[in-house]
Amino acid sequence: MCGFLNMDSAEKLNVTAAMVSGVKDFNDILKAEVRAVTSEAGKKGIRPGMTGKDAIKLLF
């Protein structure tokens, strides 16, 4: 999820979401630092500060 989308809404909908910012393409997402996560993402071990690549690995 990029910073353009709303984390509060994602939280209310109980979805797994992690926010990164300053990205232009998928490769940037993989290298970017996760800035925020929903509680559902936290349950999967996704934490602010990890890379997008590491966060994606925890989804599967």
C-alpha atoms as a PDB file:
ATOM      1  CA  MET A   1       0.000   0.000   0.000  1.00  0.00           C
ATOM      2  CA  CYS A   2       1.454   3.351  -0.927  1.00  0.00           C
ATOM      3  CA  GLY A   3       1.065   6.451   1.209  1.00  0.00           C
ATOM      4  CA  PHE A   4      -1.743   7.591  -1.090  1.00  0.00           C
ATOM      5  CA  LEU A   5      -4.126   5.022   0.450  1.00  0.00           C
ATOM      6  CA  ASN A   6      -5.667   5.317   3.905  1.00  0.00           C
ATOM      7  CA  MET A   7      -4.306   3.081   6.676  1.00  0.00           C
ATOM      8  CA  ASP A   8      -7.214   3.931   9.000  1.00  0.00           C
ATOM      9  CA  SER A   9      -9.654   2.529   6.454  1.00  0.00           C
ATOM     10  CA  ALA A  10      -7.520  -0.584   5.984  1.00  0.00           C
ATOM     11  CA  GLU A  11      -7.506  -1.092   9.750  1.00  0.00           C
ATOM     12  CA  LYS A  12     -11.281  -0.717   9.996  1.00  0.00           C
ATOM     13  CA  LEU A  13     -11.723  -3.307   7.238  1.00  0.00           C
ATOM     14  CA  ASN A  14      -9.366  -5.743   9.031  1.00  0.00           C
ATOM     15  CA  VAL A  15      -7.134  -6.172   6.006  1.00  0.00           C
ATOM     16  CA  THR A  16      -3.454  -7.026   5.973  1.00  0.00           C
ATOM     17  CA  ALA A  17      -1.695  -3.902   4.729  1.00  0.00           C
ATOM     18  CA  ALA A  18       1.741  -2.354   4.946  1.00  0.00           C
ATOM     19  CA  MET A  19       2.473   1.173   3.762  1.00  0.00           C
ATOM     20  CA  VAL A  20       5.570   2.347   1.922  1.00  0.00           C
ATOM     21  CA  SER A  21       6.152   5.779   0.423  1.00  0.00           C
ATOM     22  CA  GLY A  22       8.300   7.442  -2.207  1.00  0.00           C
ATOM     23  CA  VAL A  23       8.004   4.593  -4.700  1.00  0.00           C
ATOM     24  CA  LYS A  24       7.563   4.720  -8.463  1.00  0.00           C
ATOM     25  CA  ASP A  25       7.518   1.042  -9.436  1.00  0.00           C
ATOM     26  CA  PHE A  26       7.437  -2.463  -7.980  1.00  0.00           C
ATOM     27  CA  ASN A  27      11.224  -2.638  -7.614  1.00  0.00           C
ATOM     28  CA  ASP A  28      11.056   0.495  -5.453  1.00  0.00           C
ATOM     29  CA  ILE A  29       8.399  -1.191  -3.288  1.00  0.00           C
ATOM     30  CA  LEU A  30      10.693  -4.162  -2.695  1.00  0.00           C
ATOM     31  CA  LYS A  31      13.519  -1.870  -1.539  1.00  0.00           C
ATOM     32  CA  ALA A  32      11.384   0.620   0.405  1.00  0.00           C
ATOM     33  CA  GLU A  33      11.075   0.675   4.173  1.00  0.00           C
ATOM     34  CA  VAL A  34       7.669  -0.225   5.578  1.00  0.00           C
ATOM     35  CA  ARG A  35       6.341   2.888   7.342  1.00  0.00           C
ATOM     36  CA  ALA A  36       3.107   1.595   8.876  1.00  0.00           C
ATOM     37  CA  VAL A  37       1.182  -1.660   9.199  1.00  0.00           C
ATOM     38  CA  THR A  38      -2.325  -2.729  10.146  1.00  0.00           C
ATOM     39  CA  SER A  39      -2.858  -4.987  13.147  1.00  0.00           C
ATOM     40  CA  GLU A  40      -3.592  -7.877  10.747  1.00  0.00           C
ATOM     41  CA  ALA A  41      -0.194  -7.331   9.116  1.00  0.00           C
ATOM     42  CA  GLY A  42       1.404  -7.256  12.555  1.00  0.00           C
ATOM     43  CA  LYS A  43      -0.111 -10.673  13.305  1.00  0.00           C
ATOM     44  CA  LYS A  44       1.806 -12.000  10.300  1.00  0.00           C
ATOM     45  CA  GLY A  45       5.068 -10.531  11.615  1.00  0.00           C
ATOM     46  CA  ILE A  46       5.189  -7.511   9.328  1.00  0.00           C
ATOM     47  CA  ARG A  47       6.764  -4.557  11.128  1.00  0.00           C
ATOM     48  CA  PRO A  48       7.657  -0.953  10.357  1.00  0.00           C
ATOM     49  CA  GLY A  49      11.302  -0.670   9.357  1.00  0.00           C
ATOM     50  CA  MET A  50      11.520  -3.906   7.388  1.00  0.00           C
ATOM     51  CA  THR A  51      11.844  -3.851   3.607  1.00  0.00           C
ATOM     52  CA  GLY A  52       8.883  -4.316   1.327  1.00  0.00           C
ATOM     53  CA  LYS A  53      10.519  -7.512   0.064  1.00  0.00           C
ATOM     54  CA  ASP A  54      10.711  -8.987   3.565  1.00  0.00           C
ATOM     55  CA  ALA A  55       7.105  -7.934   4.266  1.00  0.00           C
ATOM     56  CA  ILE A  56       5.834  -9.596   1.086  1.00  0.00           C
ATOM     57  CA  LYS A  57       7.550 -12.865   2.025  1.00  0.00           C
ATOM     58  CA  LEU A  58       5.501 -12.977   5.230  1.00  0.00           C
ATOM     59  CA  LEU A  59       2.224 -12.823   3.310  1.00  0.00           C
ATOM     60  CA  PHE A  60       2.628 -16.369   1.970  1.00  0.00           C
END
